Amino acid sequence: NRIGNGDVASGDGWKYRGRGGKQLTGKSNYKGFKLWHTKTFNEEIDFVSTPNLLGEAKYAARSAAYFWLAHSLYDIADKGIENKQINAITNIINLYDSDDGKKERRNNVKKIYKVLSTN
């Protein structure tokens, strides 16, 4: 009964497990992506009925873009590459990530940023 899923017996947790470039999770996120996708690409696809489509590269990338835009993560990212910003984005994407997971994510983001900013 979280993120739009029914109870355990509904099977929604498994059906709407993390898929796509950002690992979109939960029935409410799949519904939101369906609506955004229709509006943005003028292409109506029922991702709620066919969640496995998020495994296809095109829809995986689009679902990640949807989540980034829908949660205004660009506003946070534009404020810098410090731990505060990385943690804020992490808490929106995966509030329950472990401290070790958050530390690893911060290190990875900074490594990627360093490589991209030197090229």
PDB file of N, CA and C in Angstrom:
ATOM      1  N   ASN A   1       0.814  -1.201   0.000  1.00  0.00           N
ATOM      2  CA  ASN A   1       0.000   0.000   0.000  1.00  0.00           C
ATOM      3  C   ASN A   1       0.859   1.267   0.000  1.00  0.00           C
ATOM      4  N   ARG A   2       1.960   1.235  -0.732  1.00  0.00           N
ATOM      5  CA  ARG A   2       2.804   2.420  -0.865  1.00  0.00           C
ATOM      6  C   ARG A   2       2.988   2.722  -2.339  1.00  0.00           C
ATOM      7  N   ILE A   3       3.290   3.952  -2.647  1.00  0.00           N
ATOM      8  CA  ILE A   3       3.550   4.459  -4.005  1.00  0.00           C
ATOM      9  C   ILE A   3       2.547   3.937  -5.038  1.00  0.00           C
ATOM     10  N   GLY A   4       1.279   3.918  -4.602  1.00  0.00           N
ATOM     11  CA  GLY A   4       0.209   3.549  -5.508  1.00  0.00           C
ATOM     12  C   GLY A   4      -0.056   2.059  -5.627  1.00  0.00           C
ATOM     13  N   ASN A   5       0.775   1.246  -5.009  1.00  0.00           N
ATOM     14  CA  ASN A   5       0.595  -0.202  -5.079  1.00  0.00           C
ATOM     15  C   ASN A   5      -0.524  -0.640  -4.147  1.00  0.00           C
ATOM     16  N   GLY A   6      -1.133  -1.770  -4.478  1.00  0.00           N
ATOM     17  CA  GLY A   6      -2.098  -2.390  -3.580  1.00  0.00           C
ATOM     18  C   GLY A   6      -1.364  -3.138  -2.480  1.00  0.00           C
ATOM     19  N   ASP A   7      -2.113  -3.956  -1.751  1.00  0.00           N
ATOM     20  CA  ASP A   7      -1.493  -4.729  -0.678  1.00  0.00           C
ATOM     21  C   ASP A   7      -0.628  -5.851  -1.246  1.00  0.00           C
ATOM     22  N   VAL A   8      -0.007  -6.600  -0.378  1.00  0.00           N
ATOM     23  CA  VAL A   8       0.916  -7.661  -0.801  1.00  0.00           C
ATOM     24  C   VAL A   8       0.235  -8.647  -1.740  1.00  0.00           C
ATOM     25  N   ALA A   9      -1.011  -8.998  -1.444  1.00  0.00           N
ATOM     26  CA  ALA A   9      -1.733  -9.973  -2.260  1.00  0.00           C
ATOM     27  C   ALA A   9      -1.964  -9.493  -3.697  1.00  0.00           C
ATOM     28  N   SER A  10      -1.927  -8.183  -3.935  1.00  0.00           N
ATOM     29  CA  SER A  10      -2.175  -7.644  -5.278  1.00  0.00           C
ATOM     30  C   SER A  10      -1.047  -7.974  -6.247  1.00  0.00           C
ATOM     31  N   GLY A  11       0.150  -8.211  -5.708  1.00  0.00           N
ATOM     32  CA  GLY A  11       1.307  -8.464  -6.567  1.00  0.00           C
ATOM     33  C   GLY A  11       1.889  -7.207  -7.189  1.00  0.00           C
ATOM     34  N   ASP A  12       1.348  -6.033  -6.832  1.00  0.00           N
ATOM     35  CA  ASP A  12       1.809  -4.780  -7.432  1.00  0.00           C
ATOM     36  C   ASP A  12       3.277  -4.486  -7.145  1.00  0.00           C
ATOM     37  N   GLY A  13       3.755  -4.861  -5.976  1.00  0.00           N
ATOM     38  CA  GLY A  13       5.146  -4.594  -5.636  1.00  0.00           C
ATOM     39  C   GLY A  13       6.101  -5.204  -6.654  1.00  0.00           C
ATOM     40  N   TRP A  14       5.814  -6.426  -7.057  1.00  0.00           N
ATOM     41  CA  TRP A  14       6.658  -7.086  -8.056  1.00  0.00           C
ATOM     42  C   TRP A  14       6.351  -6.561  -9.454  1.00  0.00           C
ATOM     43  N   LYS A  15       5.082  -6.374  -9.733  1.00  0.00           N
ATOM     44  CA  LYS A  15       4.686  -5.919 -11.068  1.00  0.00           C
ATOM     45  C   LYS A  15       5.279  -4.554 -11.383  1.00  0.00           C
ATOM     46  N   TYR A  16       5.311  -3.653 -10.398  1.00  0.00           N
ATOM     47  CA  TYR A  16       5.812  -2.288 -10.602  1.00  0.00           C
ATOM     48  C   TYR A  16       7.159  -2.080  -9.918  1.00  0.00           C
ATOM     49  N   ARG A  17       7.985  -3.118  -9.992  1.00  0.00           N
ATOM     50  CA  ARG A  17       9.339  -3.036  -9.436  1.00  0.00           C
ATOM     51  C   ARG A  17      10.172  -2.075 -10.278  1.00  0.00           C
ATOM     52  N   GLY A  18      11.340  -1.755  -9.791  1.00  0.00           N
ATOM     53  CA  GLY A  18      12.207  -0.804 -10.468  1.00  0.00           C
ATOM     54  C   GLY A  18      12.596  -1.236 -11.870  1.00  0.00           C
ATOM     55  N   ARG A  19      12.281  -0.375 -12.828  1.00  0.00           N
ATOM     56  CA  ARG A  19      12.656  -0.591 -14.229  1.00  0.00           C
ATOM     57  C   ARG A  19      13.045   0.751 -14.819  1.00  0.00           C
ATOM     58  N   GLY A  20      13.782   0.681 -15.911  1.00  0.00           N
ATOM     59  CA  GLY A  20      14.139   1.894 -16.629  1.00  0.00           C
ATOM     60  C   GLY A  20      15.476   2.436 -16.191  1.00  0.00           C
ATOM     61  N   GLY A  21      15.845   3.556 -16.764  1.00  0.00           N
ATOM     62  CA  GLY A  21      17.138   4.159 -16.503  1.00  0.00           C
ATOM     63  C   GLY A  21      17.312   4.640 -15.078  1.00  0.00           C
ATOM     64  N   LYS A  22      16.229   4.931 -14.402  1.00  0.00           N
ATOM     65  CA  LYS A  22      16.272   5.413 -13.022  1.00  0.00           C
ATOM     66  C   LYS A  22      15.667   4.396 -12.066  1.00  0.00           C
ATOM     67  N   GLN A  23      15.223   3.284 -12.593  1.00  0.00           N
ATOM     68  CA  GLN A  23      14.545   2.260 -11.806  1.00  0.00           C
ATOM     69  C   GLN A  23      13.226   2.804 -11.246  1.00  0.00           C
ATOM     70  N   LEU A  24      12.362   3.243 -12.141  1.00  0.00           N
ATOM     71  CA  LEU A  24      11.040   3.736 -11.778  1.00  0.00           C
ATOM     72  C   LEU A  24      10.317   2.639 -10.999  1.00  0.00           C
ATOM     73  N   THR A  25       9.766   2.982  -9.855  1.00  0.00           N
ATOM     74  CA  THR A  25       9.164   2.007  -8.954  1.00  0.00           C
ATOM     75  C   THR A  25       7.796   2.485  -8.497  1.00  0.00           C
ATOM     76  N   GLY A  26       6.852   1.566  -8.412  1.00  0.00           N
ATOM     77  CA  GLY A  26       5.539   1.858  -7.857  1.00  0.00           C
ATOM     78  C   GLY A  26       4.517   2.216  -8.922  1.00  0.00           C
ATOM     79  N   LYS A  27       3.308   1.739  -8.702  1.00  0.00           N
ATOM     80  CA  LYS A  27       2.226   1.944  -9.664  1.00  0.00           C
ATOM     81  C   LYS A  27       1.955   3.420  -9.929  1.00  0.00           C
ATOM     82  N   SER A  28       2.034   4.259  -8.903  1.00  0.00           N
ATOM     83  CA  SER A  28       1.762   5.689  -9.119  1.00  0.00           C
ATOM     84  C   SER A  28       2.803   6.310 -10.045  1.00  0.00           C
ATOM     85  N   ASN A  29       4.053   5.879  -9.962  1.00  0.00           N
ATOM     86  CA  ASN A  29       5.082   6.388 -10.871  1.00  0.00           C
ATOM     87  C   ASN A  29       4.858   5.889 -12.296  1.00  0.00           C
ATOM     88  N   TYR A  30       4.421   4.656 -12.448  1.00  0.00           N
ATOM     89  CA  TYR A  30       4.114   4.129 -13.781  1.00  0.00           C
ATOM     90  C   TYR A  30       2.944   4.897 -14.396  1.00  0.00           C
ATOM     91  N   LYS A  31       1.928   5.208 -13.577  1.00  0.00           N
ATOM     92  CA  LYS A  31       0.794   5.997 -14.068  1.00  0.00           C
ATOM     93  C   LYS A  31       1.244   7.401 -14.477  1.00  0.00           C
ATOM     94  N   GLY A  32       2.049   8.022 -13.631  1.00  0.00           N
ATOM     95  CA  GLY A  32       2.551   9.356 -13.951  1.00  0.00           C
ATOM     96  C   GLY A  32       3.371   9.357 -15.229  1.00  0.00           C
ATOM     97  N   PHE A  33       4.209   8.341 -15.399  1.00  0.00           N
ATOM     98  CA  PHE A  33       5.010   8.244 -16.616  1.00  0.00           C
ATOM     99  C   PHE A  33       4.119   8.063 -17.832  1.00  0.00           C
ATOM    100  N   LYS A  34       3.086   7.248 -17.704  1.00  0.00           N
ATOM    101  CA  LYS A  34       2.152   7.036 -18.823  1.00  0.00           C
ATOM    102  C   LYS A  34       1.550   8.367 -19.269  1.00  0.00           C
ATOM    103  N   LEU A  35       1.066   9.163 -18.336  1.00  0.00           N
ATOM    104  CA  LEU A  35       0.442  10.449 -18.665  1.00  0.00           C
ATOM    105  C   LEU A  35       1.450  11.414 -19.280  1.00  0.00           C
ATOM    106  N   TRP A  36       2.638  11.512 -18.670  1.00  0.00           N
ATOM    107  CA  TRP A  36       3.688  12.399 -19.176  1.00  0.00           C
ATOM    108  C   TRP A  36       4.116  11.977 -20.573  1.00  0.00           C
ATOM    109  N   HIS A  37       4.278  10.690 -20.773  1.00  0.00           N
ATOM    110  CA  HIS A  37       4.725  10.175 -22.070  1.00  0.00           C
ATOM    111  C   HIS A  37       3.712  10.525 -23.160  1.00  0.00           C
ATOM    112  N   THR A  38       2.445  10.339 -22.883  1.00  0.00           N
ATOM    113  CA  THR A  38       1.398  10.657 -23.854  1.00  0.00           C
ATOM    114  C   THR A  38       1.441  12.141 -24.210  1.00  0.00           C
ATOM    115  N   LYS A  39       1.552  12.984 -23.191  1.00  0.00           N
ATOM    116  CA  LYS A  39       1.568  14.436 -23.412  1.00  0.00           C
ATOM    117  C   LYS A  39       2.842  14.879 -24.127  1.00  0.00           C
ATOM    118  N   THR A  40       3.968  14.331 -23.747  1.00  0.00           N
ATOM    119  CA  THR A  40       5.259  14.771 -24.265  1.00  0.00           C
ATOM    120  C   THR A  40       5.543  14.262 -25.671  1.00  0.00           C
ATOM    121  N   PHE A  41       5.203  13.004 -25.928  1.00  0.00           N
ATOM    122  CA  PHE A  41       5.552  12.385 -27.197  1.00  0.00           C
ATOM    123  C   PHE A  41       4.347  12.129 -28.105  1.00  0.00           C
ATOM    124  N   ASN A  42       3.150  12.520 -27.642  1.00  0.00           N
ATOM    125  CA  ASN A  42       1.924  12.297 -28.415  1.00  0.00           C
ATOM    126  C   ASN A  42       1.827  10.839 -28.866  1.00  0.00           C
ATOM    127  N   GLU A  43       2.173   9.964 -27.948  1.00  0.00           N
ATOM    128  CA  GLU A  43       2.202   8.528 -28.205  1.00  0.00           C
ATOM    129  C   GLU A  43       1.643   7.847 -26.956  1.00  0.00           C
ATOM    130  N   GLU A  44       0.420   7.358 -27.045  1.00  0.00           N
ATOM    131  CA  GLU A  44      -0.215   6.767 -25.876  1.00  0.00           C
ATOM    132  C   GLU A  44       0.146   5.295 -25.755  1.00  0.00           C
ATOM    133  N   ILE A  45       0.884   4.995 -24.693  1.00  0.00           N
ATOM    134  CA  ILE A  45       1.274   3.624 -24.394  1.00  0.00           C
ATOM    135  C   ILE A  45       0.905   3.358 -22.942  1.00  0.00           C
ATOM    136  N   ASP A  46       0.262   2.243 -22.686  1.00  0.00           N
ATOM    137  CA  ASP A  46      -0.176   1.937 -21.327  1.00  0.00           C
ATOM    138  C   ASP A  46       0.920   1.183 -20.573  1.00  0.00           C
ATOM    139  N   PHE A  47       1.801   1.939 -19.949  1.00  0.00           N
ATOM    140  CA  PHE A  47       2.891   1.347 -19.181  1.00  0.00           C
ATOM    141  C   PHE A  47       2.393   0.688 -17.902  1.00  0.00           C
ATOM    142  N   VAL A  48       1.193   1.028 -17.465  1.00  0.00           N
ATOM    143  CA  VAL A  48       0.622   0.398 -16.283  1.00  0.00           C
ATOM    144  C   VAL A  48       0.243  -1.045 -16.612  1.00  0.00           C
ATOM    145  N   SER A  49      -0.353  -1.265 -17.780  1.00  0.00           N
ATOM    146  CA  SER A  49      -0.721  -2.618 -18.198  1.00  0.00           C
ATOM    147  C   SER A  49       0.469  -3.410 -18.725  1.00  0.00           C
ATOM    148  N   THR A  50       1.458  -2.709 -19.256  1.00  0.00           N
ATOM    149  CA  THR A  50       2.631  -3.376 -19.838  1.00  0.00           C
ATOM    150  C   THR A  50       3.920  -2.781 -19.263  1.00  0.00           C
ATOM    151  N   PRO A  51       4.138  -2.987 -17.975  1.00  0.00           N
ATOM    152  CA  PRO A  51       5.294  -2.368 -17.318  1.00  0.00           C
ATOM    153  C   PRO A  51       6.645  -2.838 -17.859  1.00  0.00           C
ATOM    154  N   ASN A  52       6.701  -4.011 -18.454  1.00  0.00           N
ATOM    155  CA  ASN A  52       7.978  -4.509 -18.983  1.00  0.00           C
ATOM    156  C   ASN A  52       8.523  -3.641 -20.112  1.00  0.00           C
ATOM    157  N   LEU A  53       7.689  -2.805 -20.694  1.00  0.00           N
ATOM    158  CA  LEU A  53       8.174  -1.910 -21.755  1.00  0.00           C
ATOM    159  C   LEU A  53       9.285  -0.979 -21.262  1.00  0.00           C
ATOM    160  N   LEU A  54       9.307  -0.717 -19.960  1.00  0.00           N
ATOM    161  CA  LEU A  54      10.360   0.149 -19.430  1.00  0.00           C
ATOM    162  C   LEU A  54      11.731  -0.512 -19.514  1.00  0.00           C
ATOM    163  N   GLY A  55      11.771  -1.772 -19.874  1.00  0.00           N
ATOM    164  CA  GLY A  55      13.031  -2.460 -20.106  1.00  0.00           C
ATOM    165  C   GLY A  55      13.633  -2.154 -21.466  1.00  0.00           C
ATOM    166  N   GLU A  56      12.840  -1.577 -22.355  1.00  0.00           N
ATOM    167  CA  GLU A  56      13.342  -1.186 -23.673  1.00  0.00           C
ATOM    168  C   GLU A  56      14.087   0.139 -23.550  1.00  0.00           C
ATOM    169  N   ALA A  57      15.205   0.247 -24.244  1.00  0.00           N
ATOM    170  CA  ALA A  57      16.101   1.404 -24.086  1.00  0.00           C
ATOM    171  C   ALA A  57      15.381   2.743 -24.234  1.00  0.00           C
ATOM    172  N   LYS A  58      14.548   2.875 -25.248  1.00  0.00           N
ATOM    173  CA  LYS A  58      13.871   4.155 -25.492  1.00  0.00           C
ATOM    174  C   LYS A  58      13.004   4.552 -24.298  1.00  0.00           C
ATOM    175  N   TYR A  59      12.227   3.612 -23.786  1.00  0.00           N
ATOM    176  CA  TYR A  59      11.325   3.924 -22.682  1.00  0.00           C
ATOM    177  C   TYR A  59      12.075   3.998 -21.348  1.00  0.00           C
ATOM    178  N   ALA A  60      13.170   3.270 -21.239  1.00  0.00           N
ATOM    179  CA  ALA A  60      14.005   3.367 -20.037  1.00  0.00           C
ATOM    180  C   ALA A  60      14.553   4.782 -19.909  1.00  0.00           C
ATOM    181  N   ALA A  61      15.070   5.316 -21.001  1.00  0.00           N
ATOM    182  CA  ALA A  61      15.609   6.679 -20.989  1.00  0.00           C
ATOM    183  C   ALA A  61      14.497   7.698 -20.741  1.00  0.00           C
ATOM    184  N   ARG A  62      13.371   7.507 -21.389  1.00  0.00           N
ATOM    185  CA  ARG A  62      12.265   8.450 -21.207  1.00  0.00           C
ATOM    186  C   ARG A  62      11.718   8.415 -19.786  1.00  0.00           C
ATOM    187  N   SER A  63      11.679   7.246 -19.179  1.00  0.00           N
ATOM    188  CA  SER A  63      11.165   7.157 -17.807  1.00  0.00           C
ATOM    189  C   SER A  63      12.108   7.866 -16.835  1.00  0.00           C
ATOM    190  N   ALA A  64      13.407   7.794 -17.091  1.00  0.00           N
ATOM    191  CA  ALA A  64      14.368   8.516 -16.249  1.00  0.00           C
ATOM    192  C   ALA A  64      14.186  10.025 -16.413  1.00  0.00           C
ATOM    193  N   ALA A  65      13.986  10.470 -17.650  1.00  0.00           N
ATOM    194  CA  ALA A  65      13.744  11.893 -17.903  1.00  0.00           C
ATOM    195  C   ALA A  65      12.461  12.350 -17.205  1.00  0.00           C
ATOM    196  N   TYR A  66      11.424  11.529 -17.288  1.00  0.00           N
ATOM    197  CA  TYR A  66      10.155  11.848 -16.624  1.00  0.00           C
ATOM    198  C   TYR A  66      10.375  12.083 -15.136  1.00  0.00           C
ATOM    199  N   PHE A  67      11.052  11.152 -14.473  1.00  0.00           N
ATOM    200  CA  PHE A  67      11.239  11.265 -13.025  1.00  0.00           C
ATOM    201  C   PHE A  67      12.047  12.511 -12.677  1.00  0.00           C
ATOM    202  N   TRP A  68      13.103  12.764 -13.448  1.00  0.00           N
ATOM    203  CA  TRP A  68      13.966  13.939 -13.222  1.00  0.00           C
ATOM    204  C   TRP A  68      13.158  15.223 -13.313  1.00  0.00           C
ATOM    205  N   LEU A  69      12.332  15.309 -14.345  1.00  0.00           N
ATOM    206  CA  LEU A  69      11.531  16.514 -14.566  1.00  0.00           C
ATOM    207  C   LEU A  69      10.365  16.617 -13.586  1.00  0.00           C
ATOM    208  N   ALA A  70       9.674  15.507 -13.358  1.00  0.00           N
ATOM    209  CA  ALA A  70       8.499  15.514 -12.492  1.00  0.00           C
ATOM    210  C   ALA A  70       8.842  15.906 -11.058  1.00  0.00           C
ATOM    211  N   HIS A  71      10.054  15.608 -10.634  1.00  0.00           N
ATOM    212  CA  HIS A  71      10.473  15.921  -9.276  1.00  0.00           C
ATOM    213  C   HIS A  71      11.418  17.122  -9.214  1.00  0.00           C
ATOM    214  N   SER A  72      11.529  17.837 -10.331  1.00  0.00           N
ATOM    215  CA  SER A  72      12.356  19.054 -10.410  1.00  0.00           C
ATOM    216  C   SER A  72      13.762  18.845  -9.855  1.00  0.00           C
ATOM    217  N   LEU A  73      14.338  17.694 -10.146  1.00  0.00           N
ATOM    218  CA  LEU A  73      15.674  17.388  -9.625  1.00  0.00           C
ATOM    219  C   LEU A  73      16.733  18.322 -10.205  1.00  0.00           C
ATOM    220  N   TYR A  74      16.451  18.907 -11.349  1.00  0.00           N
ATOM    221  CA  TYR A  74      17.368  19.873 -11.958  1.00  0.00           C
ATOM    222  C   TYR A  74      17.570  21.088 -11.061  1.00  0.00           C
ATOM    223  N   ASP A  75      16.541  21.484 -10.310  1.00  0.00           N
ATOM    224  CA  ASP A  75      16.676  22.626  -9.396  1.00  0.00           C
ATOM    225  C   ASP A  75      17.734  22.352  -8.334  1.00  0.00           C
ATOM    226  N   ILE A  76      17.742  21.120  -7.844  1.00  0.00           N
ATOM    227  CA  ILE A  76      18.729  20.744  -6.830  1.00  0.00           C
ATOM    228  C   ILE A  76      20.106  20.608  -7.480  1.00  0.00           C
ATOM    229  N   ALA A  77      20.160  19.924  -8.610  1.00  0.00           N
ATOM    230  CA  ALA A  77      21.444  19.688  -9.286  1.00  0.00           C
ATOM    231  C   ALA A  77      22.107  20.996  -9.689  1.00  0.00           C
ATOM    232  N   ASP A  78      21.331  21.985 -10.068  1.00  0.00           N
ATOM    233  CA  ASP A  78      21.887  23.273 -10.482  1.00  0.00           C
ATOM    234  C   ASP A  78      22.557  24.033  -9.335  1.00  0.00           C
ATOM    235  N   LYS A  79      22.328  23.586  -8.108  1.00  0.00           N
ATOM    236  CA  LYS A  79      22.920  24.267  -6.948  1.00  0.00           C
ATOM    237  C   LYS A  79      24.334  23.780  -6.640  1.00  0.00           C
ATOM    238  N   GLY A  80      24.795  22.748  -7.345  1.00  0.00           N
ATOM    239  CA  GLY A  80      26.166  22.309  -7.144  1.00  0.00           C
ATOM    240  C   GLY A  80      26.327  20.816  -7.020  1.00  0.00           C
ATOM    241  N   ILE A  81      27.557  20.417  -6.788  1.00  0.00           N
ATOM    242  CA  ILE A  81      27.935  19.007  -6.764  1.00  0.00           C
ATOM    243  C   ILE A  81      28.405  18.597  -5.365  1.00  0.00           C
ATOM    244  N   GLU A  82      27.971  19.322  -4.365  1.00  0.00           N
ATOM    245  CA  GLU A  82      28.378  19.017  -2.993  1.00  0.00           C
ATOM    246  C   GLU A  82      27.487  17.917  -2.406  1.00  0.00           C
ATOM    247  N   ASN A  83      27.929  17.388  -1.269  1.00  0.00           N
ATOM    248  CA  ASN A  83      27.190  16.298  -0.622  1.00  0.00           C
ATOM    249  C   ASN A  83      25.732  16.674  -0.352  1.00  0.00           C
ATOM    250  N   LYS A  84      25.485  17.924  -0.002  1.00  0.00           N
ATOM    251  CA  LYS A  84      24.123  18.374   0.303  1.00  0.00           C
ATOM    252  C   LYS A  84      23.193  18.145  -0.887  1.00  0.00           C
ATOM    253  N   GLN A  85      23.629  18.507  -2.078  1.00  0.00           N
ATOM    254  CA  GLN A  85      22.804  18.347  -3.271  1.00  0.00           C
ATOM    255  C   GLN A  85      22.654  16.863  -3.647  1.00  0.00           C
ATOM    256  N   ILE A  86      23.757  16.137  -3.582  1.00  0.00           N
ATOM    257  CA  ILE A  86      23.706  14.709  -3.927  1.00  0.00           C
ATOM    258  C   ILE A  86      22.778  13.974  -2.967  1.00  0.00           C
ATOM    259  N   ASN A  87      22.867  14.276  -1.680  1.00  0.00           N
ATOM    260  CA  ASN A  87      21.994  13.648  -0.693  1.00  0.00           C
ATOM    261  C   ASN A  87      20.529  14.022  -0.914  1.00  0.00           C
ATOM    262  N   ALA A  88      20.276  15.269  -1.254  1.00  0.00           N
ATOM    263  CA  ALA A  88      18.895  15.713  -1.477  1.00  0.00           C
ATOM    264  C   ALA A  88      18.267  14.962  -2.650  1.00  0.00           C
ATOM    265  N   ILE A  89      19.024  14.802  -3.730  1.00  0.00           N
ATOM    266  CA  ILE A  89      18.508  14.057  -4.883  1.00  0.00           C
ATOM    267  C   ILE A  89      18.335  12.583  -4.524  1.00  0.00           C
ATOM    268  N   THR A  90      19.308  12.023  -3.821  1.00  0.00           N
ATOM    269  CA  THR A  90      19.218  10.624  -3.388  1.00  0.00           C
ATOM    270  C   THR A  90      17.978  10.399  -2.540  1.00  0.00           C
ATOM    271  N   ASN A  91      17.683  11.326  -1.637  1.00  0.00           N
ATOM    272  CA  ASN A  91      16.525  11.155  -0.753  1.00  0.00           C
ATOM    273  C   ASN A  91      15.209  11.184  -1.519  1.00  0.00           C
ATOM    274  N   ILE A  92      15.172  11.856  -2.650  1.00  0.00           N
ATOM    275  CA  ILE A  92      13.959  11.848  -3.473  1.00  0.00           C
ATOM    276  C   ILE A  92      13.872  10.551  -4.261  1.00  0.00           C
ATOM    277  N   ILE A  93      14.990  10.098  -4.778  1.00  0.00           N
ATOM    278  CA  ILE A  93      14.998   8.871  -5.579  1.00  0.00           C
ATOM    279  C   ILE A  93      14.875   7.637  -4.700  1.00  0.00           C
ATOM    280  N   ASN A  94      15.631   7.599  -3.595  1.00  0.00           N
ATOM    281  CA  ASN A  94      15.661   6.410  -2.756  1.00  0.00           C
ATOM    282  C   ASN A  94      15.894   6.827  -1.307  1.00  0.00           C
ATOM    283  N   LEU A  95      14.831   7.254  -0.660  1.00  0.00           N
ATOM    284  CA  LEU A  95      14.901   7.758   0.709  1.00  0.00           C
ATOM    285  C   LEU A  95      15.529   6.745   1.656  1.00  0.00           C
ATOM    286  N   TYR A  96      15.312   5.475   1.395  1.00  0.00           N
ATOM    287  CA  TYR A  96      15.732   4.439   2.335  1.00  0.00           C
ATOM    288  C   TYR A  96      17.088   3.835   2.002  1.00  0.00           C
ATOM    289  N   ASP A  97      17.865   4.491   1.159  1.00  0.00           N
ATOM    290  CA  ASP A  97      19.206   4.010   0.842  1.00  0.00           C
ATOM    291  C   ASP A  97      20.050   4.019   2.117  1.00  0.00           C
ATOM    292  N   SER A  98      20.946   3.065   2.236  1.00  0.00           N
ATOM    293  CA  SER A  98      21.808   2.975   3.417  1.00  0.00           C
ATOM    294  C   SER A  98      22.852   4.093   3.405  1.00  0.00           C
ATOM    295  N   ASP A  99      23.450   4.318   4.554  1.00  0.00           N
ATOM    296  CA  ASP A  99      24.527   5.315   4.628  1.00  0.00           C
ATOM    297  C   ASP A  99      25.673   4.935   3.697  1.00  0.00           C
ATOM    298  N   ASP A 100      25.989   3.641   3.638  1.00  0.00           N
ATOM    299  CA  ASP A 100      27.047   3.186   2.729  1.00  0.00           C
ATOM    300  C   ASP A 100      26.656   3.433   1.281  1.00  0.00           C
ATOM    301  N   GLY A 101      25.397   3.173   0.957  1.00  0.00           N
ATOM    302  CA  GLY A 101      24.914   3.415  -0.400  1.00  0.00           C
ATOM    303  C   GLY A 101      25.003   4.882  -0.773  1.00  0.00           C
ATOM    304  N   LYS A 102      24.637   5.743   0.175  1.00  0.00           N
ATOM    305  CA  LYS A 102      24.712   7.189  -0.075  1.00  0.00           C
ATOM    306  C   LYS A 102      26.158   7.644  -0.252  1.00  0.00           C
ATOM    307  N   LYS A 103      27.040   7.100   0.565  1.00  0.00           N
ATOM    308  CA  LYS A 103      28.458   7.449   0.447  1.00  0.00           C
ATOM    309  C   LYS A 103      29.001   7.009  -0.908  1.00  0.00           C
ATOM    310  N   GLU A 104      28.660   5.796  -1.311  1.00  0.00           N
ATOM    311  CA  GLU A 104      29.118   5.292  -2.609  1.00  0.00           C
ATOM    312  C   GLU A 104      28.569   6.153  -3.751  1.00  0.00           C
ATOM    313  N   ARG A 105      27.300   6.545  -3.648  1.00  0.00           N
ATOM    314  CA  ARG A 105      26.694   7.391  -4.676  1.00  0.00           C
ATOM    315  C   ARG A 105      27.398   8.743  -4.757  1.00  0.00           C
ATOM    316  N   ARG A 106      27.682   9.343  -3.609  1.00  0.00           N
ATOM    317  CA  ARG A 106      28.392  10.639  -3.603  1.00  0.00           C
ATOM    318  C   ARG A 106      29.750  10.505  -4.281  1.00  0.00           C
ATOM    319  N   ASN A 107      30.475   9.453  -3.943  1.00  0.00           N
ATOM    320  CA  ASN A 107      31.793   9.232  -4.554  1.00  0.00           C
ATOM    321  C   ASN A 107      31.681   9.024  -6.059  1.00  0.00           C
ATOM    322  N   ASN A 108      30.710   8.240  -6.484  1.00  0.00           N
ATOM    323  CA  ASN A 108      30.530   7.980  -7.919  1.00  0.00           C
ATOM    324  C   ASN A 108      30.155   9.246  -8.683  1.00  0.00           C
ATOM    325  N   VAL A 109      29.248  10.032  -8.120  1.00  0.00           N
ATOM    326  CA  VAL A 109      28.835  11.272  -8.784  1.00  0.00           C
ATOM    327  C   VAL A 109      30.034  12.206  -8.945  1.00  0.00           C
ATOM    328  N   LYS A 110      30.833  12.322  -7.906  1.00  0.00           N
ATOM    329  CA  LYS A 110      31.993  13.216  -7.973  1.00  0.00           C
ATOM    330  C   LYS A 110      33.034  12.712  -8.973  1.00  0.00           C
ATOM    331  N   LYS A 111      33.225  11.397  -9.056  1.00  0.00           N
ATOM    332  CA  LYS A 111      34.154  10.836 -10.051  1.00  0.00           C
ATOM    333  C   LYS A 111      33.656  11.123 -11.467  1.00  0.00           C
ATOM    334  N   ILE A 112      32.381  10.901 -11.700  1.00  0.00           N
ATOM    335  CA  ILE A 112      31.806  11.156 -13.021  1.00  0.00           C
ATOM    336  C   ILE A 112      31.912  12.630 -13.371  1.00  0.00           C
ATOM    337  N   TYR A 113      31.583  13.487 -12.420  1.00  0.00           N
ATOM    338  CA  TYR A 113      31.662  14.939 -12.648  1.00  0.00           C
ATOM    339  C   TYR A 113      33.081  15.355 -13.005  1.00  0.00           C
ATOM    340  N   LYS A 114      34.052  14.800 -12.294  1.00  0.00           N
ATOM    341  CA  LYS A 114      35.450  15.139 -12.546  1.00  0.00           C
ATOM    342  C   LYS A 114      35.858  14.741 -13.964  1.00  0.00           C
ATOM    343  N   VAL A 115      35.478  13.538 -14.377  1.00  0.00           N
ATOM    344  CA  VAL A 115      35.806  13.070 -15.727  1.00  0.00           C
ATOM    345  C   VAL A 115      35.131  13.954 -16.789  1.00  0.00           C
ATOM    346  N   LEU A 116      33.862  14.234 -16.584  1.00  0.00           N
ATOM    347  CA  LEU A 116      33.127  15.035 -17.575  1.00  0.00           C
ATOM    348  C   LEU A 116      33.597  16.486 -17.624  1.00  0.00           C
ATOM    349  N   SER A 117      34.007  17.015 -16.506  1.00  0.00           N
ATOM    350  CA  SER A 117      34.408  18.424 -16.486  1.00  0.00           C
ATOM    351  C   SER A 117      35.830  18.638 -17.005  1.00  0.00           C
ATOM    352  N   THR A 118      36.612  17.582 -17.135  1.00  0.00           N
ATOM    353  CA  THR A 118      37.977  17.724 -17.651  1.00  0.00           C
ATOM    354  C   THR A 118      38.049  17.444 -19.162  1.00  0.00           C
ATOM    355  N   ASN A 119      36.961  17.005 -19.740  1.00  0.00           N
ATOM    356  CA  ASN A 119      36.935  16.705 -21.182  1.00  0.00           C
ATOM    357  C   ASN A 119      36.274  17.816 -21.971  1.00  0.00           C
TER     358      ASN A 119
END
